[in-house]
Amino acid sequence: MPRAMPRCYNLAYPLRIPPIATSRKQKGKTTYVNKEQPMNKSVLSILLGLVLVLSGCGNSSSTGTANITGNWSATLINTDSSPAFAFTTTFTQMTGSTVNVTNLSFTTSSPCFVSGETETASFVLSGNFSGSVSGAFQLSIKSGSPGGNTLTLQGTAQNNTIVGTWTLVGISSGCSGSGNFVVTRM
């Protein structure tokens, strides 16, 4: 008498796995019969999902640093594609979105930033997968001498590069402008 299939496998269109050979004895003879095994689509989906999740386990290699901490070099370009500013700095990721900015040094000469600049920065991490870092970045540099000039960079960090736009608002002559920037980890 044939065995009844469990109710959960009795679907209109069951998926089938390859036939499995089974043996049957009749009147002293052993015969082998191929028997197809139906599989529920949801079970297959769960198994596939489990395989994908487990395939990421145990992988300790990383392609980048999991935060923005490090030494960085910035190049700012005017809207007419001419060079505007360049500087190097050190970012240290603090708790939350706070970034400590130290060792800021302009590598281009500018009457807008002579000495005594103060910097504030923020970085909002939006992903940390396999050691890569990405998120929204903002840096504000206020001039010390002469005073009244503020350079603001807003962009997106992706691994070892930050790209975006910059604006300079100032009271000193020639200390205003805007453009694009690239900041790279050194």
N, C-alpha and C. Protein backbone atom coordinates (compact mmCIF):
# COMPACT_ATOMS: atom_id res chain seq x y z
N MET A 1 0.84 -1.17 0.00
CA MET A 1 0.00 0.00 0.00
C MET A 1 0.89 1.25 0.00
N PRO A 2 0.67 2.17 -0.91
CA PRO A 2 1.50 3.38 -0.99
C PRO A 2 1.30 4.25 0.24
N ARG A 3 2.43 4.87 0.65
CA ARG A 3 2.40 5.77 1.79
C ARG A 3 1.78 7.11 1.40
N ALA A 4 0.97 7.68 2.27
CA ALA A 4 0.36 8.98 1.99
C ALA A 4 1.40 10.08 2.24
N MET A 5 1.42 11.10 1.39
CA MET A 5 2.31 12.23 1.55
C MET A 5 1.80 13.12 2.68
N PRO A 6 2.70 13.73 3.47
CA PRO A 6 2.24 14.67 4.49
C PRO A 6 1.51 15.83 3.83
N ARG A 7 0.58 16.42 4.52
CA ARG A 7 -0.26 17.49 3.99
C ARG A 7 0.56 18.69 3.54
N CYS A 8 1.65 19.06 4.25
CA CYS A 8 2.43 20.24 3.90
C CYS A 8 3.12 20.11 2.55
N TYR A 9 3.33 18.90 2.03
CA TYR A 9 3.95 18.71 0.74
C TYR A 9 2.95 18.62 -0.39
N ASN A 10 1.68 18.59 -0.09
CA ASN A 10 0.66 18.42 -1.10
C ASN A 10 0.28 19.78 -1.68
N LEU A 11 1.20 20.37 -2.47
CA LEU A 11 0.98 21.67 -3.10
C LEU A 11 0.57 21.46 -4.56
N ALA A 12 0.02 22.50 -5.14
CA ALA A 12 -0.39 22.40 -6.52
C ALA A 12 0.82 22.22 -7.45
N TYR A 13 1.93 22.95 -7.17
CA TYR A 13 3.13 22.86 -7.99
C TYR A 13 4.33 22.63 -7.09
N PRO A 14 4.51 21.47 -6.55
CA PRO A 14 5.65 21.25 -5.65
C PRO A 14 6.95 21.22 -6.44
N LEU A 15 8.03 21.76 -5.85
CA LEU A 15 9.35 21.63 -6.44
C LEU A 15 9.81 20.20 -6.20
N ARG A 16 10.58 19.69 -7.10
CA ARG A 16 11.02 18.31 -6.93
C ARG A 16 12.54 18.28 -6.95
N ILE A 17 13.10 17.51 -6.05
CA ILE A 17 14.53 17.29 -6.05
C ILE A 17 14.79 16.05 -6.89
N PRO A 18 16.03 15.83 -7.29
CA PRO A 18 16.32 14.68 -8.16
C PRO A 18 15.84 13.38 -7.54
N PRO A 19 15.50 12.43 -8.39
CA PRO A 19 15.02 11.14 -7.88
C PRO A 19 16.04 10.45 -7.01
N ILE A 20 15.57 9.74 -6.03
CA ILE A 20 16.40 8.96 -5.13
C ILE A 20 16.08 7.50 -5.40
N ALA A 21 17.12 6.69 -5.56
CA ALA A 21 16.90 5.26 -5.81
C ALA A 21 16.54 4.58 -4.50
N THR A 22 15.46 3.83 -4.50
CA THR A 22 15.05 3.05 -3.33
C THR A 22 14.88 1.60 -3.76
N SER A 23 14.99 0.73 -2.81
CA SER A 23 14.84 -0.69 -3.16
C SER A 23 13.49 -1.20 -2.66
N ARG A 24 12.98 -2.20 -3.38
CA ARG A 24 11.72 -2.83 -3.00
C ARG A 24 11.87 -4.33 -3.24
N LYS A 25 11.46 -5.11 -2.27
CA LYS A 25 11.55 -6.57 -2.41
C LYS A 25 10.16 -7.12 -2.72
N GLN A 26 10.12 -7.90 -3.77
CA GLN A 26 8.88 -8.60 -4.12
C GLN A 26 9.24 -10.03 -4.52
N LYS A 27 8.63 -10.96 -3.88
CA LYS A 27 8.80 -12.38 -4.20
C LYS A 27 10.27 -12.76 -4.35
N GLY A 28 11.10 -12.34 -3.37
CA GLY A 28 12.49 -12.74 -3.36
C GLY A 28 13.39 -11.96 -4.29
N LYS A 29 12.86 -11.02 -5.07
CA LYS A 29 13.66 -10.20 -5.96
C LYS A 29 13.78 -8.79 -5.38
N THR A 30 14.95 -8.21 -5.54
CA THR A 30 15.14 -6.81 -5.13
C THR A 30 15.14 -5.97 -6.39
N THR A 31 14.25 -5.00 -6.47
CA THR A 31 14.22 -4.09 -7.61
C THR A 31 14.44 -2.68 -7.08
N TYR A 32 15.08 -1.86 -7.89
CA TYR A 32 15.33 -0.47 -7.51
C TYR A 32 14.37 0.43 -8.27
N VAL A 33 13.78 1.37 -7.53
CA VAL A 33 12.78 2.26 -8.10
C VAL A 33 13.20 3.70 -7.83
N ASN A 34 13.12 4.54 -8.85
CA ASN A 34 13.37 5.97 -8.64
C ASN A 34 12.11 6.61 -8.10
N LYS A 35 12.28 7.37 -7.02
CA LYS A 35 11.13 7.98 -6.38
C LYS A 35 11.41 9.47 -6.25
N GLU A 36 10.61 10.33 -6.83
CA GLU A 36 10.82 11.76 -6.73
C GLU A 36 10.33 12.25 -5.38
N GLN A 37 11.12 13.18 -4.79
CA GLN A 37 10.79 13.73 -3.47
C GLN A 37 10.37 15.19 -3.66
N PRO A 38 9.12 15.52 -3.39
CA PRO A 38 8.68 16.91 -3.51
C PRO A 38 9.26 17.77 -2.39
N MET A 39 9.49 19.07 -2.66
CA MET A 39 10.01 19.98 -1.65
C MET A 39 9.20 21.27 -1.67
N ASN A 40 8.80 21.71 -0.53
CA ASN A 40 8.02 22.91 -0.37
C ASN A 40 8.88 24.14 -0.74
N LYS A 41 8.31 25.11 -1.47
CA LYS A 41 9.05 26.30 -1.88
C LYS A 41 9.56 27.09 -0.69
N SER A 42 8.77 27.17 0.37
CA SER A 42 9.21 27.94 1.53
C SER A 42 10.38 27.26 2.23
N VAL A 43 10.42 25.95 2.25
CA VAL A 43 11.54 25.23 2.84
C VAL A 43 12.80 25.49 2.03
N LEU A 44 12.68 25.45 0.71
CA LEU A 44 13.81 25.73 -0.16
C LEU A 44 14.31 27.16 0.05
N SER A 45 13.41 28.12 0.17
CA SER A 45 13.78 29.51 0.40
C SER A 45 14.52 29.67 1.73
N ILE A 46 14.03 29.02 2.76
CA ILE A 46 14.68 29.10 4.07
C ILE A 46 16.09 28.51 4.00
N LEU A 47 16.23 27.37 3.34
CA LEU A 47 17.55 26.75 3.22
C LEU A 47 18.51 27.63 2.44
N LEU A 48 18.05 28.21 1.36
CA LEU A 48 18.89 29.10 0.56
C LEU A 48 19.31 30.31 1.38
N GLY A 49 18.38 30.90 2.12
CA GLY A 49 18.69 32.04 2.98
C GLY A 49 19.70 31.68 4.05
N LEU A 50 19.56 30.52 4.63
CA LEU A 50 20.48 30.05 5.66
C LEU A 50 21.89 29.88 5.08
N VAL A 51 21.98 29.33 3.89
CA VAL A 51 23.27 29.17 3.24
C VAL A 51 23.92 30.53 3.00
N LEU A 52 23.16 31.50 2.53
CA LEU A 52 23.70 32.83 2.29
C LEU A 52 24.18 33.50 3.57
N VAL A 53 23.40 33.39 4.63
CA VAL A 53 23.79 33.99 5.91
C VAL A 53 25.04 33.33 6.45
N LEU A 54 25.09 32.02 6.43
CA LEU A 54 26.25 31.31 6.98
C LEU A 54 27.50 31.48 6.13
N SER A 55 27.35 31.75 4.85
CA SER A 55 28.52 31.93 4.00
C SER A 55 29.30 33.18 4.38
N GLY A 56 28.66 34.14 5.02
CA GLY A 56 29.35 35.35 5.48
C GLY A 56 29.99 35.19 6.84
N CYS A 57 29.69 34.13 7.57
CA CYS A 57 30.25 33.92 8.90
C CYS A 57 31.70 33.50 8.81
N GLY A 58 32.47 33.95 9.77
CA GLY A 58 33.85 33.51 9.87
C GLY A 58 34.80 34.21 8.93
N ASN A 59 34.35 35.15 8.15
CA ASN A 59 35.22 35.88 7.25
C ASN A 59 35.80 37.06 7.99
N SER A 60 37.07 36.98 8.35
CA SER A 60 37.68 38.04 9.15
C SER A 60 38.48 39.01 8.31
N SER A 61 38.54 38.83 7.01
CA SER A 61 39.30 39.76 6.19
C SER A 61 38.52 41.06 6.05
N SER A 62 39.26 42.16 5.94
CA SER A 62 38.60 43.44 5.76
C SER A 62 39.33 44.22 4.69
N THR A 63 38.59 45.07 3.99
CA THR A 63 39.17 45.84 2.90
C THR A 63 39.40 47.28 3.28
N GLY A 64 38.98 47.70 4.44
CA GLY A 64 39.17 49.08 4.86
C GLY A 64 39.07 49.19 6.36
N THR A 65 39.12 50.41 6.83
CA THR A 65 39.00 50.65 8.25
C THR A 65 37.54 50.88 8.57
N ALA A 66 37.08 50.41 9.72
CA ALA A 66 35.66 50.47 10.06
C ALA A 66 35.24 51.83 10.60
N ASN A 67 36.09 52.84 10.55
CA ASN A 67 35.70 54.20 10.90
C ASN A 67 36.55 55.18 10.10
N ILE A 68 36.39 56.44 10.41
CA ILE A 68 37.05 57.48 9.62
C ILE A 68 38.40 57.90 10.20
N THR A 69 38.80 57.29 11.30
CA THR A 69 40.05 57.65 11.98
C THR A 69 41.25 57.45 11.06
N GLY A 70 42.12 58.47 11.00
CA GLY A 70 43.34 58.36 10.20
C GLY A 70 43.79 59.70 9.67
N ASN A 71 44.88 59.68 8.91
CA ASN A 71 45.43 60.88 8.27
C ASN A 71 44.83 61.01 6.88
N TRP A 72 44.43 62.23 6.54
CA TRP A 72 43.72 62.48 5.29
C TRP A 72 44.34 63.67 4.56
N SER A 73 44.21 63.67 3.25
CA SER A 73 44.69 64.75 2.40
C SER A 73 43.53 65.25 1.53
N ALA A 74 43.30 66.57 1.52
CA ALA A 74 42.15 67.15 0.80
C ALA A 74 42.60 68.03 -0.35
N THR A 75 41.87 67.94 -1.45
CA THR A 75 42.07 68.81 -2.61
C THR A 75 40.72 69.43 -2.95
N LEU A 76 40.66 70.78 -2.94
CA LEU A 76 39.44 71.50 -3.25
C LEU A 76 39.60 72.19 -4.60
N ILE A 77 38.61 72.02 -5.47
CA ILE A 77 38.64 72.56 -6.83
C ILE A 77 37.50 73.58 -6.98
N ASN A 78 37.81 74.74 -7.58
CA ASN A 78 36.79 75.75 -7.85
C ASN A 78 35.81 75.25 -8.92
N THR A 79 34.69 75.95 -9.06
CA THR A 79 33.70 75.57 -10.07
C THR A 79 34.25 75.68 -11.49
N ASP A 80 35.30 76.51 -11.70
CA ASP A 80 35.92 76.61 -13.04
C ASP A 80 37.04 75.59 -13.23
N SER A 81 37.14 74.61 -12.33
CA SER A 81 38.12 73.51 -12.36
C SER A 81 39.54 73.92 -11.98
N SER A 82 39.74 75.14 -11.51
CA SER A 82 41.06 75.56 -11.04
C SER A 82 41.24 75.14 -9.57
N PRO A 83 42.49 74.92 -9.15
CA PRO A 83 42.72 74.53 -7.75
C PRO A 83 42.36 75.66 -6.79
N ALA A 84 41.74 75.32 -5.68
CA ALA A 84 41.35 76.33 -4.69
C ALA A 84 42.20 76.20 -3.42
N PHE A 85 42.07 75.07 -2.74
CA PHE A 85 42.80 74.83 -1.50
C PHE A 85 43.26 73.38 -1.47
N ALA A 86 44.25 73.15 -0.63
CA ALA A 86 44.67 71.79 -0.31
C ALA A 86 45.13 71.80 1.14
N PHE A 87 44.82 70.71 1.85
CA PHE A 87 45.27 70.61 3.24
C PHE A 87 45.38 69.15 3.65
N THR A 88 46.11 68.93 4.72
CA THR A 88 46.19 67.61 5.34
C THR A 88 45.66 67.74 6.76
N THR A 89 45.14 66.64 7.28
CA THR A 89 44.60 66.67 8.63
C THR A 89 44.50 65.24 9.17
N THR A 90 44.20 65.15 10.45
CA THR A 90 43.97 63.87 11.10
C THR A 90 42.56 63.86 11.66
N PHE A 91 41.78 62.83 11.31
CA PHE A 91 40.44 62.65 11.86
C PHE A 91 40.48 61.51 12.87
N THR A 92 39.78 61.72 13.98
CA THR A 92 39.62 60.66 14.98
C THR A 92 38.14 60.51 15.25
N GLN A 93 37.58 59.34 14.92
CA GLN A 93 36.16 59.08 15.16
C GLN A 93 35.92 58.97 16.66
N MET A 94 35.04 59.81 17.18
CA MET A 94 34.68 59.77 18.60
C MET A 94 33.34 59.04 18.71
N THR A 95 32.67 59.14 19.85
CA THR A 95 31.37 58.50 20.00
C THR A 95 30.33 59.24 19.17
N GLY A 96 29.34 58.50 18.71
CA GLY A 96 28.29 59.09 17.89
C GLY A 96 28.85 59.56 16.56
N SER A 97 28.44 60.74 16.13
CA SER A 97 28.89 61.26 14.84
C SER A 97 30.04 62.26 14.98
N THR A 98 30.52 62.48 16.19
CA THR A 98 31.58 63.46 16.43
C THR A 98 32.92 62.97 15.90
N VAL A 99 33.62 63.87 15.23
CA VAL A 99 34.96 63.59 14.72
C VAL A 99 35.89 64.66 15.26
N ASN A 100 36.98 64.23 15.89
CA ASN A 100 37.99 65.16 16.38
C ASN A 100 38.95 65.45 15.22
N VAL A 101 39.19 66.74 14.94
CA VAL A 101 40.05 67.14 13.84
C VAL A 101 41.31 67.76 14.43
N THR A 102 42.47 67.19 14.09
CA THR A 102 43.74 67.71 14.58
C THR A 102 44.74 67.80 13.43
N ASN A 103 45.84 68.49 13.68
CA ASN A 103 46.95 68.59 12.72
C ASN A 103 46.53 69.17 11.37
N LEU A 104 45.54 70.07 11.35
CA LEU A 104 45.11 70.68 10.10
C LEU A 104 46.20 71.61 9.60
N SER A 105 46.61 71.41 8.37
CA SER A 105 47.67 72.23 7.79
C SER A 105 47.36 72.48 6.32
N PHE A 106 47.15 73.76 5.96
CA PHE A 106 46.93 74.10 4.56
C PHE A 106 48.25 73.96 3.82
N THR A 107 48.23 73.23 2.71
CA THR A 107 49.45 73.05 1.91
C THR A 107 49.48 74.02 0.73
N THR A 108 48.44 74.84 0.61
CA THR A 108 48.41 75.91 -0.39
C THR A 108 48.37 77.23 0.35
N SER A 109 48.94 78.24 -0.23
CA SER A 109 48.97 79.57 0.36
C SER A 109 47.62 80.26 0.13
N SER A 110 47.07 80.87 1.20
CA SER A 110 45.79 81.54 1.08
C SER A 110 45.71 82.68 2.09
N PRO A 111 45.21 83.85 1.65
CA PRO A 111 45.03 84.94 2.61
C PRO A 111 43.82 84.69 3.53
N CYS A 112 43.02 83.67 3.23
CA CYS A 112 41.82 83.41 4.01
C CYS A 112 42.12 82.63 5.29
N PHE A 113 43.16 81.79 5.26
CA PHE A 113 43.51 80.96 6.41
C PHE A 113 45.02 81.08 6.64
N VAL A 114 45.40 82.01 7.51
CA VAL A 114 46.81 82.25 7.78
C VAL A 114 47.26 81.47 9.02
N SER A 115 46.49 81.58 10.10
CA SER A 115 46.84 80.85 11.32
C SER A 115 45.66 80.79 12.27
N GLY A 116 45.72 79.87 13.20
CA GLY A 116 44.75 79.78 14.28
C GLY A 116 43.37 79.28 13.89
N GLU A 117 43.28 78.42 12.88
CA GLU A 117 41.98 77.90 12.45
C GLU A 117 41.40 76.97 13.52
N THR A 118 40.06 76.95 13.59
CA THR A 118 39.37 75.97 14.43
C THR A 118 38.51 75.11 13.51
N GLU A 119 38.43 73.82 13.85
CA GLU A 119 37.74 72.88 12.98
C GLU A 119 36.72 72.10 13.79
N THR A 120 35.58 71.83 13.17
CA THR A 120 34.60 70.91 13.72
C THR A 120 34.16 69.99 12.59
N ALA A 121 33.93 68.73 12.92
CA ALA A 121 33.55 67.77 11.88
C ALA A 121 32.56 66.78 12.44
N SER A 122 31.79 66.19 11.53
CA SER A 122 30.89 65.10 11.91
C SER A 122 30.89 64.07 10.80
N PHE A 123 30.64 62.83 11.21
CA PHE A 123 30.57 61.72 10.27
C PHE A 123 29.50 60.78 10.77
N VAL A 124 28.47 60.56 9.94
CA VAL A 124 27.38 59.66 10.31
C VAL A 124 27.56 58.38 9.53
N LEU A 125 27.94 57.33 10.23
CA LEU A 125 28.18 56.03 9.61
C LEU A 125 26.86 55.45 9.14
N SER A 126 26.82 55.07 7.84
CA SER A 126 25.59 54.46 7.33
C SER A 126 25.77 53.01 6.96
N GLY A 127 26.99 52.51 7.07
CA GLY A 127 27.20 51.10 6.77
C GLY A 127 28.57 50.67 7.19
N ASN A 128 28.67 49.46 7.66
CA ASN A 128 29.95 48.91 8.03
C ASN A 128 29.90 47.43 7.69
N PHE A 129 30.23 47.11 6.47
CA PHE A 129 30.12 45.73 6.00
C PHE A 129 31.50 45.26 5.57
N SER A 130 31.98 44.19 6.16
CA SER A 130 33.29 43.62 5.86
C SER A 130 34.40 44.65 6.02
N GLY A 131 34.26 45.54 6.99
CA GLY A 131 35.31 46.50 7.27
C GLY A 131 35.26 47.77 6.45
N SER A 132 34.33 47.91 5.53
CA SER A 132 34.26 49.14 4.75
C SER A 132 33.43 50.18 5.50
N VAL A 133 33.68 51.44 5.19
CA VAL A 133 33.01 52.51 5.89
C VAL A 133 32.33 53.42 4.87
N SER A 134 31.12 53.86 5.16
CA SER A 134 30.45 54.82 4.29
C SER A 134 29.52 55.66 5.14
N GLY A 135 29.23 56.87 4.68
CA GLY A 135 28.32 57.72 5.42
C GLY A 135 28.46 59.18 5.03
N ALA A 136 27.63 60.00 5.67
CA ALA A 136 27.62 61.45 5.42
C ALA A 136 28.73 62.11 6.21
N PHE A 137 29.42 63.05 5.58
CA PHE A 137 30.56 63.73 6.20
C PHE A 137 30.37 65.24 6.11
N GLN A 138 30.75 65.95 7.18
CA GLN A 138 30.73 67.41 7.17
C GLN A 138 31.92 67.93 7.95
N LEU A 139 32.59 68.94 7.41
CA LEU A 139 33.73 69.57 8.06
C LEU A 139 33.59 71.07 7.93
N SER A 140 33.78 71.78 9.04
CA SER A 140 33.72 73.23 9.04
C SER A 140 35.03 73.76 9.60
N ILE A 141 35.66 74.68 8.85
CA ILE A 141 36.93 75.28 9.27
C ILE A 141 36.72 76.78 9.36
N LYS A 142 36.95 77.33 10.56
CA LYS A 142 36.81 78.78 10.78
C LYS A 142 38.20 79.38 10.91
N SER A 143 38.41 80.48 10.21
CA SER A 143 39.73 81.11 10.24
C SER A 143 39.97 81.78 11.59
N GLY A 144 41.24 81.77 12.00
CA GLY A 144 41.63 82.47 13.22
C GLY A 144 42.15 83.86 12.87
N SER A 145 43.13 83.89 11.97
CA SER A 145 43.68 85.16 11.51
C SER A 145 43.84 85.07 10.00
N PRO A 146 43.21 85.89 9.23
CA PRO A 146 42.20 86.87 9.63
C PRO A 146 40.89 86.16 10.01
N GLY A 147 40.12 86.75 10.87
CA GLY A 147 38.87 86.16 11.33
C GLY A 147 37.72 86.37 10.35
N GLY A 148 36.65 85.60 10.54
CA GLY A 148 35.43 85.80 9.77
C GLY A 148 35.28 84.97 8.53
N ASN A 149 36.17 84.04 8.26
CA ASN A 149 36.07 83.19 7.07
C ASN A 149 35.71 81.77 7.50
N THR A 150 34.73 81.16 6.82
CA THR A 150 34.31 79.80 7.16
C THR A 150 34.26 78.95 5.91
N LEU A 151 35.03 77.86 5.94
CA LEU A 151 35.06 76.88 4.85
C LEU A 151 34.27 75.67 5.31
N THR A 152 33.27 75.28 4.52
CA THR A 152 32.42 74.13 4.87
C THR A 152 32.50 73.09 3.76
N LEU A 153 32.77 71.85 4.15
CA LEU A 153 32.79 70.71 3.23
C LEU A 153 31.65 69.78 3.61
N GLN A 154 30.85 69.38 2.63
CA GLN A 154 29.77 68.41 2.85
C GLN A 154 29.87 67.35 1.76
N GLY A 155 29.89 66.09 2.21
CA GLY A 155 30.03 65.04 1.22
C GLY A 155 29.71 63.67 1.77
N THR A 156 30.18 62.67 1.05
CA THR A 156 29.92 61.28 1.39
C THR A 156 31.24 60.53 1.42
N ALA A 157 31.44 59.80 2.51
CA ALA A 157 32.62 58.95 2.64
C ALA A 157 32.30 57.57 2.12
N GLN A 158 33.24 57.00 1.38
CA GLN A 158 33.12 55.62 0.90
C GLN A 158 34.51 55.01 0.98
N ASN A 159 34.71 54.15 2.01
CA ASN A 159 36.01 53.52 2.27
C ASN A 159 37.08 54.58 2.51
N ASN A 160 38.05 54.71 1.63
CA ASN A 160 39.18 55.62 1.86
C ASN A 160 39.09 56.93 1.10
N THR A 161 37.88 57.31 0.67
CA THR A 161 37.69 58.54 -0.10
C THR A 161 36.43 59.25 0.37
N ILE A 162 36.54 60.58 0.46
CA ILE A 162 35.37 61.42 0.76
C ILE A 162 35.24 62.40 -0.40
N VAL A 163 34.06 62.47 -1.00
CA VAL A 163 33.82 63.40 -2.11
C VAL A 163 32.60 64.24 -1.79
N GLY A 164 32.57 65.47 -2.33
CA GLY A 164 31.41 66.32 -2.11
C GLY A 164 31.66 67.73 -2.60
N THR A 165 30.94 68.66 -2.00
CA THR A 165 31.04 70.07 -2.39
C THR A 165 31.54 70.90 -1.21
N TRP A 166 32.14 72.05 -1.52
CA TRP A 166 32.62 72.96 -0.50
C TRP A 166 32.12 74.37 -0.79
N THR A 167 31.98 75.15 0.26
CA THR A 167 31.66 76.57 0.14
C THR A 167 32.54 77.35 1.11
N LEU A 168 32.96 78.53 0.68
CA LEU A 168 33.73 79.44 1.52
C LEU A 168 32.98 80.75 1.60
N VAL A 169 32.64 81.12 2.83
CA VAL A 169 31.97 82.40 3.07
C VAL A 169 32.90 83.20 3.96
N GLY A 170 33.23 84.40 3.51
CA GLY A 170 34.18 85.19 4.30
C GLY A 170 33.98 86.67 4.16
N ILE A 171 34.66 87.37 5.06
CA ILE A 171 34.60 88.83 5.02
C ILE A 171 35.88 89.42 4.43
N SER A 172 36.91 88.60 4.32
CA SER A 172 38.16 89.05 3.72
C SER A 172 38.03 89.05 2.20
N SER A 173 38.74 89.94 1.55
CA SER A 173 38.70 90.04 0.09
C SER A 173 39.19 88.75 -0.54
N GLY A 174 38.44 88.22 -1.50
CA GLY A 174 38.80 87.00 -2.20
C GLY A 174 38.51 85.72 -1.43
N CYS A 175 37.87 85.86 -0.28
CA CYS A 175 37.60 84.68 0.56
C CYS A 175 36.15 84.23 0.46
N SER A 176 35.73 83.94 -0.75
CA SER A 176 34.42 83.34 -0.98
C SER A 176 34.53 82.49 -2.23
N GLY A 177 33.71 81.46 -2.29
CA GLY A 177 33.75 80.59 -3.46
C GLY A 177 33.08 79.27 -3.15
N SER A 178 33.13 78.38 -4.15
CA SER A 178 32.54 77.06 -3.99
C SER A 178 33.12 76.13 -5.05
N GLY A 179 32.85 74.85 -4.88
CA GLY A 179 33.34 73.87 -5.84
C GLY A 179 33.19 72.46 -5.31
N ASN A 180 34.03 71.58 -5.80
CA ASN A 180 34.02 70.17 -5.41
C ASN A 180 35.31 69.83 -4.67
N PHE A 181 35.27 68.76 -3.90
CA PHE A 181 36.48 68.33 -3.20
C PHE A 181 36.60 66.82 -3.22
N VAL A 182 37.84 66.38 -3.00
CA VAL A 182 38.17 64.97 -2.81
C VAL A 182 39.11 64.91 -1.62
N VAL A 183 38.79 64.08 -0.64
CA VAL A 183 39.66 63.86 0.50
C VAL A 183 40.01 62.37 0.49
N THR A 184 41.30 62.06 0.56
CA THR A 184 41.73 60.66 0.51
C THR A 184 42.55 60.32 1.75
N ARG A 185 42.39 59.08 2.22
CA ARG A 185 43.18 58.60 3.36
C ARG A 185 44.62 58.41 2.91
N MET A 186 45.54 58.90 3.72
CA MET A 186 46.96 58.79 3.38
C MET A 186 47.53 57.49 3.91
